[in-house]
Amino acid sequence: MSKKKLNSLEDLGGFVFSTNDNFEFEKTEEPAFLHPKQQHLAALFSNKGRGGKTVTVITGFVGSEEDLKTLGKLLKTKCGVGGSVKDNEIIIQGNYRDKIMEILKNEGYNIKRVGG
């Protein structure tokens, strides 16, 4: 097994090393909550990296991880299918793009169709 070559500090995983006793790590703020009318989401379907299975992916959500999970659960429930929330995306199993777009429009979100 070959080891991955480290080319930059980012390859170390984002660790910060300091010899300063008074060093304080910068806290990252959670994204601000945006009202659904201010959100600009994108709906696309994909099958790359999923063994040929089609999924619908919703991207562009701005808000907390908890709000994203709540929205993902709403979509999974209304479509009656499985899915997940990761990497700031909602992934719904199957090609439900049109149905999801309708649900999100009814919830007040701005959503656009991406791709074919």
PDB file of N, CA and C in Angstrom:
ATOM      1  N   MET A   1       0.838  -1.179   0.000  1.00  0.00           N
ATOM      2  CA  MET A   1       0.000   0.000   0.000  1.00  0.00           C
ATOM      3  C   MET A   1       0.885   1.245   0.000  1.00  0.00           C
ATOM      4  N   SER A   2       0.645   2.150  -0.922  1.00  0.00           N
ATOM      5  CA  SER A   2       1.473   3.350  -1.007  1.00  0.00           C
ATOM      6  C   SER A   2       0.890   4.455  -0.140  1.00  0.00           C
ATOM      7  N   LYS A   3       1.775   5.252   0.419  1.00  0.00           N
ATOM      8  CA  LYS A   3       1.351   6.366   1.256  1.00  0.00           C
ATOM      9  C   LYS A   3       1.076   7.577   0.377  1.00  0.00           C
ATOM     10  N   LYS A   4       0.091   8.365   0.794  1.00  0.00           N
ATOM     11  CA  LYS A   4      -0.225   9.585   0.076  1.00  0.00           C
ATOM     12  C   LYS A   4       0.847  10.622   0.356  1.00  0.00           C
ATOM     13  N   LYS A   5       1.308  11.282  -0.686  1.00  0.00           N
ATOM     14  CA  LYS A   5       2.343  12.286  -0.533  1.00  0.00           C
ATOM     15  C   LYS A   5       1.714  13.586  -0.032  1.00  0.00           C
ATOM     16  N   LEU A   6       2.324  14.183   0.977  1.00  0.00           N
ATOM     17  CA  LEU A   6       1.838  15.434   1.535  1.00  0.00           C
ATOM     18  C   LEU A   6       2.472  16.600   0.784  1.00  0.00           C
ATOM     19  N   ASN A   7       1.635  17.397   0.118  1.00  0.00           N
ATOM     20  CA  ASN A   7       2.138  18.498  -0.685  1.00  0.00           C
ATOM     21  C   ASN A   7       1.940  19.858  -0.030  1.00  0.00           C
ATOM     22  N   SER A   8       1.042  19.934   0.938  1.00  0.00           N
ATOM     23  CA  SER A   8       0.766  21.219   1.572  1.00  0.00           C
ATOM     24  C   SER A   8       0.305  20.993   3.006  1.00  0.00           C
ATOM     25  N   LEU A   9       0.154  22.091   3.747  1.00  0.00           N
ATOM     26  CA  LEU A   9      -0.319  21.999   5.129  1.00  0.00           C
ATOM     27  C   LEU A   9      -1.748  21.481   5.201  1.00  0.00           C
ATOM     28  N   GLU A  10      -2.555  21.757   4.172  1.00  0.00           N
ATOM     29  CA  GLU A  10      -3.933  21.277   4.158  1.00  0.00           C
ATOM     30  C   GLU A  10      -3.992  19.754   4.133  1.00  0.00           C
ATOM     31  N   ASP A  11      -2.983  19.116   3.581  1.00  0.00           N
ATOM     32  CA  ASP A  11      -2.945  17.657   3.530  1.00  0.00           C
ATOM     33  C   ASP A  11      -2.786  17.042   4.917  1.00  0.00           C
ATOM     34  N   LEU A  12      -2.371  17.841   5.904  1.00  0.00           N
ATOM     35  CA  LEU A  12      -2.229  17.356   7.274  1.00  0.00           C
ATOM     36  C   LEU A  12      -3.570  17.321   7.994  1.00  0.00           C
ATOM     37  N   GLY A  13      -4.623  17.806   7.371  1.00  0.00           N
ATOM     38  CA  GLY A  13      -5.950  17.733   7.963  1.00  0.00           C
ATOM     39  C   GLY A  13      -6.374  18.987   8.695  1.00  0.00           C
ATOM     40  N   GLY A  14      -5.721  20.107   8.470  1.00  0.00           N
ATOM     41  CA  GLY A  14      -6.152  21.357   9.061  1.00  0.00           C
ATOM     42  C   GLY A  14      -5.683  21.574  10.487  1.00  0.00           C
ATOM     43  N   PHE A  15      -4.679  20.851  10.934  1.00  0.00           N
ATOM     44  CA  PHE A  15      -4.158  21.049  12.280  1.00  0.00           C
ATOM     45  C   PHE A  15      -3.389  22.355  12.359  1.00  0.00           C
ATOM     46  N   VAL A  16      -3.450  23.009  13.517  1.00  0.00           N
ATOM     47  CA  VAL A  16      -2.709  24.229  13.754  1.00  0.00           C
ATOM     48  C   VAL A  16      -1.723  23.958  14.871  1.00  0.00           C
ATOM     49  N   PHE A  17      -0.446  24.186  14.614  1.00  0.00           N
ATOM     50  CA  PHE A  17       0.586  23.980  15.618  1.00  0.00           C
ATOM     51  C   PHE A  17       1.106  25.336  16.057  1.00  0.00           C
ATOM     52  N   SER A  18       1.255  25.521  17.381  1.00  0.00           N
ATOM     53  CA  SER A  18       1.763  26.782  17.891  1.00  0.00           C
ATOM     54  C   SER A  18       2.561  26.543  19.157  1.00  0.00           C
ATOM     55  N   THR A  19       3.615  27.323  19.331  1.00  0.00           N
ATOM     56  CA  THR A  19       4.384  27.276  20.573  1.00  0.00           C
ATOM     57  C   THR A  19       3.987  28.421  21.489  1.00  0.00           C
ATOM     58  N   ASN A  20       3.048  29.247  21.061  1.00  0.00           N
ATOM     59  CA  ASN A  20       2.573  30.378  21.848  1.00  0.00           C
ATOM     60  C   ASN A  20       1.622  29.868  22.922  1.00  0.00           C
ATOM     61  N   ASP A  21       1.940  30.142  24.205  1.00  0.00           N
ATOM     62  CA  ASP A  21       1.084  29.687  25.307  1.00  0.00           C
ATOM     63  C   ASP A  21      -0.265  30.386  25.330  1.00  0.00           C
ATOM     64  N   ASN A  22      -0.355  31.575  24.750  1.00  0.00           N
ATOM     65  CA  ASN A  22      -1.599  32.348  24.768  1.00  0.00           C
ATOM     66  C   ASN A  22      -2.394  32.215  23.474  1.00  0.00           C
ATOM     67  N   PHE A  23      -2.061  31.222  22.664  1.00  0.00           N
ATOM     68  CA  PHE A  23      -2.734  31.050  21.371  1.00  0.00           C
ATOM     69  C   PHE A  23      -4.190  30.675  21.576  1.00  0.00           C
ATOM     70  N   GLU A  24      -5.084  31.348  20.850  1.00  0.00           N
ATOM     71  CA  GLU A  24      -6.498  31.012  20.875  1.00  0.00           C
ATOM     72  C   GLU A  24      -6.930  30.686  19.454  1.00  0.00           C
ATOM     73  N   PHE A  25      -7.534  29.526  19.312  1.00  0.00           N
ATOM     74  CA  PHE A  25      -7.994  29.075  18.005  1.00  0.00           C
ATOM     75  C   PHE A  25      -9.179  29.916  17.561  1.00  0.00           C
ATOM     76  N   GLU A  26      -9.177  30.353  16.302  1.00  0.00           N
ATOM     77  CA  GLU A  26     -10.289  31.151  15.779  1.00  0.00           C
ATOM     78  C   GLU A  26     -11.526  30.278  15.655  1.00  0.00           C
ATOM     79  N   LYS A  27     -12.600  30.747  16.213  1.00  0.00           N
ATOM     80  CA  LYS A  27     -13.851  29.996  16.152  1.00  0.00           C
ATOM     81  C   LYS A  27     -14.562  30.336  14.852  1.00  0.00           C
ATOM     82  N   THR A  28     -15.028  29.300  14.180  1.00  0.00           N
ATOM     83  CA  THR A  28     -15.783  29.532  12.951  1.00  0.00           C
ATOM     84  C   THR A  28     -17.244  29.675  13.318  1.00  0.00           C
ATOM     85  N   GLU A  29     -17.881  30.634  12.707  1.00  0.00           N
ATOM     86  CA  GLU A  29     -19.285  30.881  12.985  1.00  0.00           C
ATOM     87  C   GLU A  29     -20.143  29.963  12.123  1.00  0.00           C
ATOM     88  N   GLU A  30     -21.297  29.569  12.671  1.00  0.00           N
ATOM     89  CA  GLU A  30     -22.248  28.819  11.873  1.00  0.00           C
ATOM     90  C   GLU A  30     -22.826  29.752  10.825  1.00  0.00           C
ATOM     91  N   PRO A  31     -23.179  29.215   9.672  1.00  0.00           N
ATOM     92  CA  PRO A  31     -23.786  30.084   8.669  1.00  0.00           C
ATOM     93  C   PRO A  31     -25.065  30.721   9.224  1.00  0.00           C
ATOM     94  N   ALA A  32     -25.282  31.956   8.862  1.00  0.00           N
ATOM     95  CA  ALA A  32     -26.476  32.659   9.326  1.00  0.00           C
ATOM     96  C   ALA A  32     -27.724  32.008   8.730  1.00  0.00           C
ATOM     97  N   PHE A  33     -28.801  32.056   9.475  1.00  0.00           N
ATOM     98  CA  PHE A  33     -30.059  31.506   8.984  1.00  0.00           C
ATOM     99  C   PHE A  33     -30.641  32.449   7.952  1.00  0.00           C
ATOM    100  N   LEU A  34     -31.020  31.908   6.833  1.00  0.00           N
ATOM    101  CA  LEU A  34     -31.696  32.690   5.806  1.00  0.00           C
ATOM    102  C   LEU A  34     -33.131  32.200   5.697  1.00  0.00           C
ATOM    103  N   HIS A  35     -34.036  33.131   5.575  1.00  0.00           N
ATOM    104  CA  HIS A  35     -35.453  32.807   5.382  1.00  0.00           C
ATOM    105  C   HIS A  35     -35.590  32.045   4.066  1.00  0.00           C
ATOM    106  N   PRO A  36     -36.540  31.097   3.976  1.00  0.00           N
ATOM    107  CA  PRO A  36     -36.688  30.327   2.730  1.00  0.00           C
ATOM    108  C   PRO A  36     -36.773  31.178   1.466  1.00  0.00           C
ATOM    109  N   LYS A  37     -37.386  32.362   1.535  1.00  0.00           N
ATOM    110  CA  LYS A  37     -37.489  33.214   0.344  1.00  0.00           C
ATOM    111  C   LYS A  37     -36.118  33.735  -0.105  1.00  0.00           C
ATOM    112  N   GLN A  38     -35.132  33.749   0.825  1.00  0.00           N
ATOM    113  CA  GLN A  38     -33.792  34.227   0.496  1.00  0.00           C
ATOM    114  C   GLN A  38     -32.864  33.093   0.060  1.00  0.00           C
ATOM    115  N   GLN A  39     -33.305  31.867   0.204  1.00  0.00           N
ATOM    116  CA  GLN A  39     -32.491  30.709  -0.171  1.00  0.00           C
ATOM    117  C   GLN A  39     -32.555  30.499  -1.680  1.00  0.00           C
ATOM    118  N   HIS A  40     -31.435  30.127  -2.263  1.00  0.00           N
ATOM    119  CA  HIS A  40     -31.374  29.798  -3.690  1.00  0.00           C
ATOM    120  C   HIS A  40     -30.813  28.383  -3.801  1.00  0.00           C
ATOM    121  N   LEU A  41     -31.701  27.414  -3.909  1.00  0.00           N
ATOM    122  CA  LEU A  41     -31.311  26.017  -3.958  1.00  0.00           C
ATOM    123  C   LEU A  41     -31.245  25.524  -5.400  1.00  0.00           C
ATOM    124  N   ALA A  42     -30.511  24.447  -5.602  1.00  0.00           N
ATOM    125  CA  ALA A  42     -30.406  23.828  -6.924  1.00  0.00           C
ATOM    126  C   ALA A  42     -30.719  22.350  -6.788  1.00  0.00           C
ATOM    127  N   ALA A  43     -31.540  21.828  -7.698  1.00  0.00           N
ATOM    128  CA  ALA A  43     -31.917  20.418  -7.702  1.00  0.00           C
ATOM    129  C   ALA A  43     -31.341  19.754  -8.944  1.00  0.00           C
ATOM    130  N   LEU A  44     -30.620  18.650  -8.738  1.00  0.00           N
ATOM    131  CA  LEU A  44     -30.062  17.914  -9.860  1.00  0.00           C
ATOM    132  C   LEU A  44     -30.123  16.428  -9.546  1.00  0.00           C
ATOM    133  N   PHE A  45     -30.051  15.614 -10.576  1.00  0.00           N
ATOM    134  CA  PHE A  45     -29.945  14.188 -10.293  1.00  0.00           C
ATOM    135  C   PHE A  45     -28.614  13.686 -10.796  1.00  0.00           C
ATOM    136  N   SER A  46     -28.128  12.658 -10.094  1.00  0.00           N
ATOM    137  CA  SER A  46     -26.794  12.158 -10.366  1.00  0.00           C
ATOM    138  C   SER A  46     -26.766  10.657 -10.129  1.00  0.00           C
ATOM    139  N   ASN A  47     -25.843   9.988 -10.782  1.00  0.00           N
ATOM    140  CA  ASN A  47     -25.610   8.578 -10.486  1.00  0.00           C
ATOM    141  C   ASN A  47     -24.115   8.286 -10.407  1.00  0.00           C
ATOM    142  N   LYS A  48     -23.305   9.313 -10.382  1.00  0.00           N
ATOM    143  CA  LYS A  48     -21.855   9.138 -10.317  1.00  0.00           C
ATOM    144  C   LYS A  48     -21.441   8.696  -8.920  1.00  0.00           C
ATOM    145  N   GLY A  49     -20.629   7.668  -8.854  1.00  0.00           N
ATOM    146  CA  GLY A  49     -20.107   7.192  -7.589  1.00  0.00           C
ATOM    147  C   GLY A  49     -21.125   6.487  -6.724  1.00  0.00           C
ATOM    148  N   ARG A  50     -22.228   6.060  -7.325  1.00  0.00           N
ATOM    149  CA  ARG A  50     -23.291   5.423  -6.555  1.00  0.00           C
ATOM    150  C   ARG A  50     -23.706   4.086  -7.165  1.00  0.00           C
ATOM    151  N   GLY A  51     -22.804   3.451  -7.844  1.00  0.00           N
ATOM    152  CA  GLY A  51     -23.090   2.148  -8.427  1.00  0.00           C
ATOM    153  C   GLY A  51     -24.169   2.185  -9.489  1.00  0.00           C
ATOM    154  N   GLY A  52     -24.343   3.313 -10.165  1.00  0.00           N
ATOM    155  CA  GLY A  52     -25.344   3.429 -11.217  1.00  0.00           C
ATOM    156  C   GLY A  52     -26.732   3.783 -10.714  1.00  0.00           C
ATOM    157  N   LYS A  53     -26.903   3.897  -9.390  1.00  0.00           N
ATOM    158  CA  LYS A  53     -28.216   4.241  -8.838  1.00  0.00           C
ATOM    159  C   LYS A  53     -28.408   5.748  -8.902  1.00  0.00           C
ATOM    160  N   THR A  54     -29.597   6.161  -9.301  1.00  0.00           N
ATOM    161  CA  THR A  54     -29.900   7.575  -9.454  1.00  0.00           C
ATOM    162  C   THR A  54     -30.336   8.168  -8.126  1.00  0.00           C
ATOM    163  N   VAL A  55     -29.827   9.353  -7.834  1.00  0.00           N
ATOM    164  CA  VAL A  55     -30.246  10.096  -6.647  1.00  0.00           C
ATOM    165  C   VAL A  55     -30.540  11.532  -7.051  1.00  0.00           C
ATOM    166  N   THR A  56     -31.366  12.200  -6.263  1.00  0.00           N
ATOM    167  CA  THR A  56     -31.639  13.610  -6.448  1.00  0.00           C
ATOM    168  C   THR A  56     -30.848  14.362  -5.388  1.00  0.00           C
ATOM    169  N   VAL A  57     -30.099  15.366  -5.803  1.00  0.00           N
ATOM    170  CA  VAL A  57     -29.233  16.116  -4.894  1.00  0.00           C
ATOM    171  C   VAL A  57     -29.719  17.559  -4.829  1.00  0.00           C
ATOM    172  N   ILE A  58     -29.894  18.071  -3.604  1.00  0.00           N
ATOM    173  CA  ILE A  58     -30.282  19.459  -3.380  1.00  0.00           C
ATOM    174  C   ILE A  58     -29.075  20.172  -2.783  1.00  0.00           C
ATOM    175  N   THR A  59     -28.623  21.243  -3.422  1.00  0.00           N
ATOM    176  CA  THR A  59     -27.450  21.988  -2.954  1.00  0.00           C
ATOM    177  C   THR A  59     -27.806  23.454  -2.760  1.00  0.00           C
ATOM    178  N   GLY A  60     -26.917  24.182  -2.084  1.00  0.00           N
ATOM    179  CA  GLY A  60     -27.064  25.625  -1.950  1.00  0.00           C
ATOM    180  C   GLY A  60     -27.741  26.078  -0.676  1.00  0.00           C
ATOM    181  N   PHE A  61     -28.050  25.166   0.262  1.00  0.00           N
ATOM    182  CA  PHE A  61     -28.725  25.548   1.498  1.00  0.00           C
ATOM    183  C   PHE A  61     -27.777  26.332   2.393  1.00  0.00           C
ATOM    184  N   VAL A  62     -28.255  27.449   2.941  1.00  0.00           N
ATOM    185  CA  VAL A  62     -27.482  28.245   3.893  1.00  0.00           C
ATOM    186  C   VAL A  62     -28.213  28.212   5.223  1.00  0.00           C
ATOM    187  N   GLY A  63     -27.546  27.698   6.232  1.00  0.00           N
ATOM    188  CA  GLY A  63     -28.153  27.603   7.554  1.00  0.00           C
ATOM    189  C   GLY A  63     -27.428  26.565   8.388  1.00  0.00           C
ATOM    190  N   SER A  64     -27.986  26.260   9.534  1.00  0.00           N
ATOM    191  CA  SER A  64     -27.336  25.314  10.437  1.00  0.00           C
ATOM    192  C   SER A  64     -27.512  23.886   9.942  1.00  0.00           C
ATOM    193  N   GLU A  65     -26.669  23.007  10.455  1.00  0.00           N
ATOM    194  CA  GLU A  65     -26.740  21.580  10.111  1.00  0.00           C
ATOM    195  C   GLU A  65     -28.093  21.004  10.540  1.00  0.00           C
ATOM    196  N   GLU A  66     -28.590  21.477  11.674  1.00  0.00           N
ATOM    197  CA  GLU A  66     -29.879  21.001  12.191  1.00  0.00           C
ATOM    198  C   GLU A  66     -31.028  21.365  11.248  1.00  0.00           C
ATOM    199  N   ASP A  67     -31.025  22.609  10.732  1.00  0.00           N
ATOM    200  CA  ASP A  67     -32.061  23.041   9.785  1.00  0.00           C
ATOM    201  C   ASP A  67     -31.985  22.245   8.489  1.00  0.00           C
ATOM    202  N   LEU A  68     -30.762  21.939   8.046  1.00  0.00           N
ATOM    203  CA  LEU A  68     -30.580  21.152   6.829  1.00  0.00           C
ATOM    204  C   LEU A  68     -31.128  19.740   7.018  1.00  0.00           C
ATOM    205  N   LYS A  69     -30.860  19.148   8.181  1.00  0.00           N
ATOM    206  CA  LYS A  69     -31.367  17.801   8.470  1.00  0.00           C
ATOM    207  C   LYS A  69     -32.888  17.799   8.541  1.00  0.00           C
ATOM    208  N   THR A  70     -33.458  18.847   9.119  1.00  0.00           N
ATOM    209  CA  THR A  70     -34.923  18.949   9.204  1.00  0.00           C
ATOM    210  C   THR A  70     -35.537  19.024   7.815  1.00  0.00           C
ATOM    211  N   LEU A  71     -34.937  19.828   6.938  1.00  0.00           N
ATOM    212  CA  LEU A  71     -35.432  19.938   5.567  1.00  0.00           C
ATOM    213  C   LEU A  71     -35.277  18.608   4.833  1.00  0.00           C
ATOM    214  N   GLY A  72     -34.147  17.932   5.038  1.00  0.00           N
ATOM    215  CA  GLY A  72     -33.934  16.626   4.419  1.00  0.00           C
ATOM    216  C   GLY A  72     -34.974  15.613   4.866  1.00  0.00           C
ATOM    217  N   LYS A  73     -35.303  15.620   6.159  1.00  0.00           N
ATOM    218  CA  LYS A  73     -36.305  14.694   6.676  1.00  0.00           C
ATOM    219  C   LYS A  73     -37.677  14.981   6.071  1.00  0.00           C
ATOM    220  N   LEU A  74     -38.015  16.264   5.921  1.00  0.00           N
ATOM    221  CA  LEU A  74     -39.285  16.646   5.304  1.00  0.00           C
ATOM    222  C   LEU A  74     -39.377  16.089   3.880  1.00  0.00           C
ATOM    223  N   LEU A  75     -38.295  16.251   3.109  1.00  0.00           N
ATOM    224  CA  LEU A  75     -38.310  15.785   1.720  1.00  0.00           C
ATOM    225  C   LEU A  75     -38.397  14.267   1.645  1.00  0.00           C
ATOM    226  N   LYS A  76     -37.647  13.571   2.497  1.00  0.00           N
ATOM    227  CA  LYS A  76     -37.689  12.102   2.494  1.00  0.00           C
ATOM    228  C   LYS A  76     -39.077  11.602   2.865  1.00  0.00           C
ATOM    229  N   THR A  77     -39.715  12.255   3.832  1.00  0.00           N
ATOM    230  CA  THR A  77     -41.053  11.845   4.267  1.00  0.00           C
ATOM    231  C   THR A  77     -42.080  12.063   3.168  1.00  0.00           C
ATOM    232  N   LYS A  78     -42.052  13.253   2.548  1.00  0.00           N
ATOM    233  CA  LYS A  78     -43.051  13.569   1.514  1.00  0.00           C
ATOM    234  C   LYS A  78     -42.878  12.729   0.259  1.00  0.00           C
ATOM    235  N   CYS A  79     -41.629  12.323  -0.036  1.00  0.00           N
ATOM    236  CA  CYS A  79     -41.388  11.482  -1.209  1.00  0.00           C
ATOM    237  C   CYS A  79     -41.526   9.999  -0.874  1.00  0.00           C
ATOM    238  N   GLY A  80     -41.477   9.653   0.405  1.00  0.00           N
ATOM    239  CA  GLY A  80     -41.602   8.254   0.817  1.00  0.00           C
ATOM    240  C   GLY A  80     -40.401   7.406   0.446  1.00  0.00           C
ATOM    241  N   VAL A  81     -39.212   8.022   0.471  1.00  0.00           N
ATOM    242  CA  VAL A  81     -37.985   7.307   0.107  1.00  0.00           C
ATOM    243  C   VAL A  81     -36.894   7.599   1.132  1.00  0.00           C
ATOM    244  N   GLY A  82     -35.775   6.913   0.982  1.00  0.00           N
ATOM    245  CA  GLY A  82     -34.626   7.130   1.858  1.00  0.00           C
ATOM    246  C   GLY A  82     -33.728   8.212   1.315  1.00  0.00           C
ATOM    247  N   GLY A  83     -32.734   8.549   2.104  1.00  0.00           N
ATOM    248  CA  GLY A  83     -31.775   9.554   1.689  1.00  0.00           C
ATOM    249  C   GLY A  83     -30.866   9.905   2.837  1.00  0.00           C
ATOM    250  N   SER A  84     -30.041  10.923   2.628  1.00  0.00           N
ATOM    251  CA  SER A  84     -29.115  11.346   3.675  1.00  0.00           C
ATOM    252  C   SER A  84     -28.791  12.824   3.498  1.00  0.00           C
ATOM    253  N   VAL A  85     -28.137  13.369   4.532  1.00  0.00           N
ATOM    254  CA  VAL A  85     -27.665  14.742   4.501  1.00  0.00           C
ATOM    255  C   VAL A  85     -26.188  14.710   4.837  1.00  0.00           C
ATOM    256  N   LYS A  86     -25.352  15.140   3.891  1.00  0.00           N
ATOM    257  CA  LYS A  86     -23.919  15.221   4.161  1.00  0.00           C
ATOM    258  C   LYS A  86     -23.269  16.205   3.214  1.00  0.00           C
ATOM    259  N   ASP A  87     -22.149  16.756   3.659  1.00  0.00           N
ATOM    260  CA  ASP A  87     -21.398  17.737   2.870  1.00  0.00           C
ATOM    261  C   ASP A  87     -22.271  18.897   2.422  1.00  0.00           C
ATOM    262  N   ASN A  88     -23.185  19.326   3.296  1.00  0.00           N
ATOM    263  CA  ASN A  88     -24.097  20.443   3.040  1.00  0.00           C
ATOM    264  C   ASN A  88     -25.002  20.201   1.827  1.00  0.00           C
ATOM    265  N   GLU A  89     -25.312  18.936   1.570  1.00  0.00           N
ATOM    266  CA  GLU A  89     -26.223  18.544   0.491  1.00  0.00           C
ATOM    267  C   GLU A  89     -27.270  17.587   1.031  1.00  0.00           C
ATOM    268  N   ILE A  90     -28.442  17.643   0.440  1.00  0.00           N
ATOM    269  CA  ILE A  90     -29.490  16.674   0.746  1.00  0.00           C
ATOM    270  C   ILE A  90     -29.517  15.689  -0.419  1.00  0.00           C
ATOM    271  N   ILE A  91     -29.400  14.405  -0.101  1.00  0.00           N
ATOM    272  CA  ILE A  91     -29.381  13.363  -1.128  1.00  0.00           C
ATOM    273  C   ILE A  91     -30.608  12.492  -0.934  1.00  0.00           C
ATOM    274  N   ILE A  92     -31.469  12.441  -1.944  1.00  0.00           N
ATOM    275  CA  ILE A  92     -32.703  11.653  -1.907  1.00  0.00           C
ATOM    276  C   ILE A  92     -32.565  10.530  -2.923  1.00  0.00           C
ATOM    277  N   GLN A  93     -32.873   9.296  -2.501  1.00  0.00           N
ATOM    278  CA  GLN A  93     -32.747   8.145  -3.394  1.00  0.00           C
ATOM    279  C   GLN A  93     -33.825   8.187  -4.473  1.00  0.00           C
ATOM    280  N   GLY A  94     -33.397   8.088  -5.714  1.00  0.00           N
ATOM    281  CA  GLY A  94     -34.321   8.069  -6.847  1.00  0.00           C
ATOM    282  C   GLY A  94     -34.381   9.414  -7.547  1.00  0.00           C
ATOM    283  N   ASN A  95     -35.046   9.430  -8.693  1.00  0.00           N
ATOM    284  CA  ASN A  95     -35.187  10.653  -9.472  1.00  0.00           C
ATOM    285  C   ASN A  95     -36.523  11.316  -9.114  1.00  0.00           C
ATOM    286  N   TYR A  96     -36.504  12.140  -8.068  1.00  0.00           N
ATOM    287  CA  TYR A  96     -37.698  12.838  -7.605  1.00  0.00           C
ATOM    288  C   TYR A  96     -37.532  14.349  -7.748  1.00  0.00           C
ATOM    289  N   ARG A  97     -36.737  14.771  -8.713  1.00  0.00           N
ATOM    290  CA  ARG A  97     -36.405  16.189  -8.830  1.00  0.00           C
ATOM    291  C   ARG A  97     -37.641  17.074  -8.976  1.00  0.00           C
ATOM    292  N   ASP A  98     -38.561  16.718  -9.865  1.00  0.00           N
ATOM    293  CA  ASP A  98     -39.736  17.560 -10.084  1.00  0.00           C
ATOM    294  C   ASP A  98     -40.627  17.617  -8.843  1.00  0.00           C
ATOM    295  N   LYS A  99     -40.814  16.478  -8.192  1.00  0.00           N
ATOM    296  CA  LYS A  99     -41.636  16.436  -6.979  1.00  0.00           C
ATOM    297  C   LYS A  99     -40.983  17.255  -5.869  1.00  0.00           C
ATOM    298  N   ILE A 100     -39.666  17.131  -5.703  1.00  0.00           N
ATOM    299  CA  ILE A 100     -38.949  17.875  -4.667  1.00  0.00           C
ATOM    300  C   ILE A 100     -38.997  19.369  -4.959  1.00  0.00           C
ATOM    301  N   MET A 101     -38.874  19.744  -6.224  1.00  0.00           N
ATOM    302  CA  MET A 101     -38.952  21.163  -6.576  1.00  0.00           C
ATOM    303  C   MET A 101     -40.313  21.729  -6.205  1.00  0.00           C
ATOM    304  N   GLU A 102     -41.368  20.974  -6.448  1.00  0.00           N
ATOM    305  CA  GLU A 102     -42.722  21.413  -6.103  1.00  0.00           C
ATOM    306  C   GLU A 102     -42.881  21.557  -4.588  1.00  0.00           C
ATOM    307  N   ILE A 103     -42.367  20.587  -3.832  1.00  0.00           N
ATOM    308  CA  ILE A 103     -42.445  20.633  -2.366  1.00  0.00           C
ATOM    309  C   ILE A 103     -41.707  21.859  -1.836  1.00  0.00           C
ATOM    310  N   LEU A 104     -40.496  22.100  -2.335  1.00  0.00           N
ATOM    311  CA  LEU A 104     -39.699  23.231  -1.858  1.00  0.00           C
ATOM    312  C   LEU A 104     -40.319  24.570  -2.250  1.00  0.00           C
ATOM    313  N   LYS A 105     -40.942  24.659  -3.424  1.00  0.00           N
ATOM    314  CA  LYS A 105     -41.632  25.894  -3.815  1.00  0.00           C
ATOM    315  C   LYS A 105     -42.804  26.152  -2.880  1.00  0.00           C
ATOM    316  N   ASN A 106     -43.530  25.093  -2.509  1.00  0.00           N
ATOM    317  CA  ASN A 106     -44.648  25.245  -1.576  1.00  0.00           C
ATOM    318  C   ASN A 106     -44.173  25.670  -0.190  1.00  0.00           C
ATOM    319  N   GLU A 107     -42.947  25.301   0.175  1.00  0.00           N
ATOM    320  CA  GLU A 107     -42.367  25.695   1.465  1.00  0.00           C
ATOM    321  C   GLU A 107     -41.784  27.110   1.400  1.00  0.00           C
ATOM    322  N   GLY A 108     -41.748  27.725   0.207  1.00  0.00           N
ATOM    323  CA  GLY A 108     -41.282  29.094   0.064  1.00  0.00           C
ATOM    324  C   GLY A 108     -39.854  29.245  -0.413  1.00  0.00           C
ATOM    325  N   TYR A 109     -39.183  28.171  -0.796  1.00  0.00           N
ATOM    326  CA  TYR A 109     -37.791  28.233  -1.242  1.00  0.00           C
ATOM    327  C   TYR A 109     -37.718  28.588  -2.719  1.00  0.00           C
ATOM    328  N   ASN A 110     -36.655  29.283  -3.101  1.00  0.00           N
ATOM    329  CA  ASN A 110     -36.343  29.518  -4.511  1.00  0.00           C
ATOM    330  C   ASN A 110     -35.482  28.341  -4.949  1.00  0.00           C
ATOM    331  N   ILE A 111     -35.926  27.616  -5.951  1.00  0.00           N
ATOM    332  CA  ILE A 111     -35.180  26.442  -6.403  1.00  0.00           C
ATOM    333  C   ILE A 111     -35.134  26.407  -7.912  1.00  0.00           C
ATOM    334  N   LYS A 112     -33.993  26.003  -8.450  1.00  0.00           N
ATOM    335  CA  LYS A 112     -33.876  25.902  -9.903  1.00  0.00           C
ATOM    336  C   LYS A 112     -33.416  24.504 -10.274  1.00  0.00           C
ATOM    337  N   ARG A 113     -33.785  24.113 -11.456  1.00  0.00           N
ATOM    338  CA  ARG A 113     -33.435  22.799 -11.998  1.00  0.00           C
ATOM    339  C   ARG A 113     -32.065  22.901 -12.665  1.00  0.00           C
ATOM    340  N   VAL A 114     -31.184  21.962 -12.334  1.00  0.00           N
ATOM    341  CA  VAL A 114     -29.844  21.958 -12.899  1.00  0.00           C
ATOM    342  C   VAL A 114     -29.663  20.670 -13.701  1.00  0.00           C
ATOM    343  N   GLY A 115     -29.168  20.788 -14.916  1.00  0.00           N
ATOM    344  CA  GLY A 115     -28.956  19.608 -15.745  1.00  0.00           C
ATOM    345  C   GLY A 115     -30.200  19.195 -16.498  1.00  0.00           C
ATOM    346  N   GLY A 116     -30.074  18.118 -17.288  1.00  0.00           N
ATOM    347  CA  GLY A 116     -31.128  17.586 -18.145  1.00  0.00           C
ATOM    348  C   GLY A 116     -32.406  17.456 -17.568  1.00  0.00           C
TER     349      GLY A 116
END
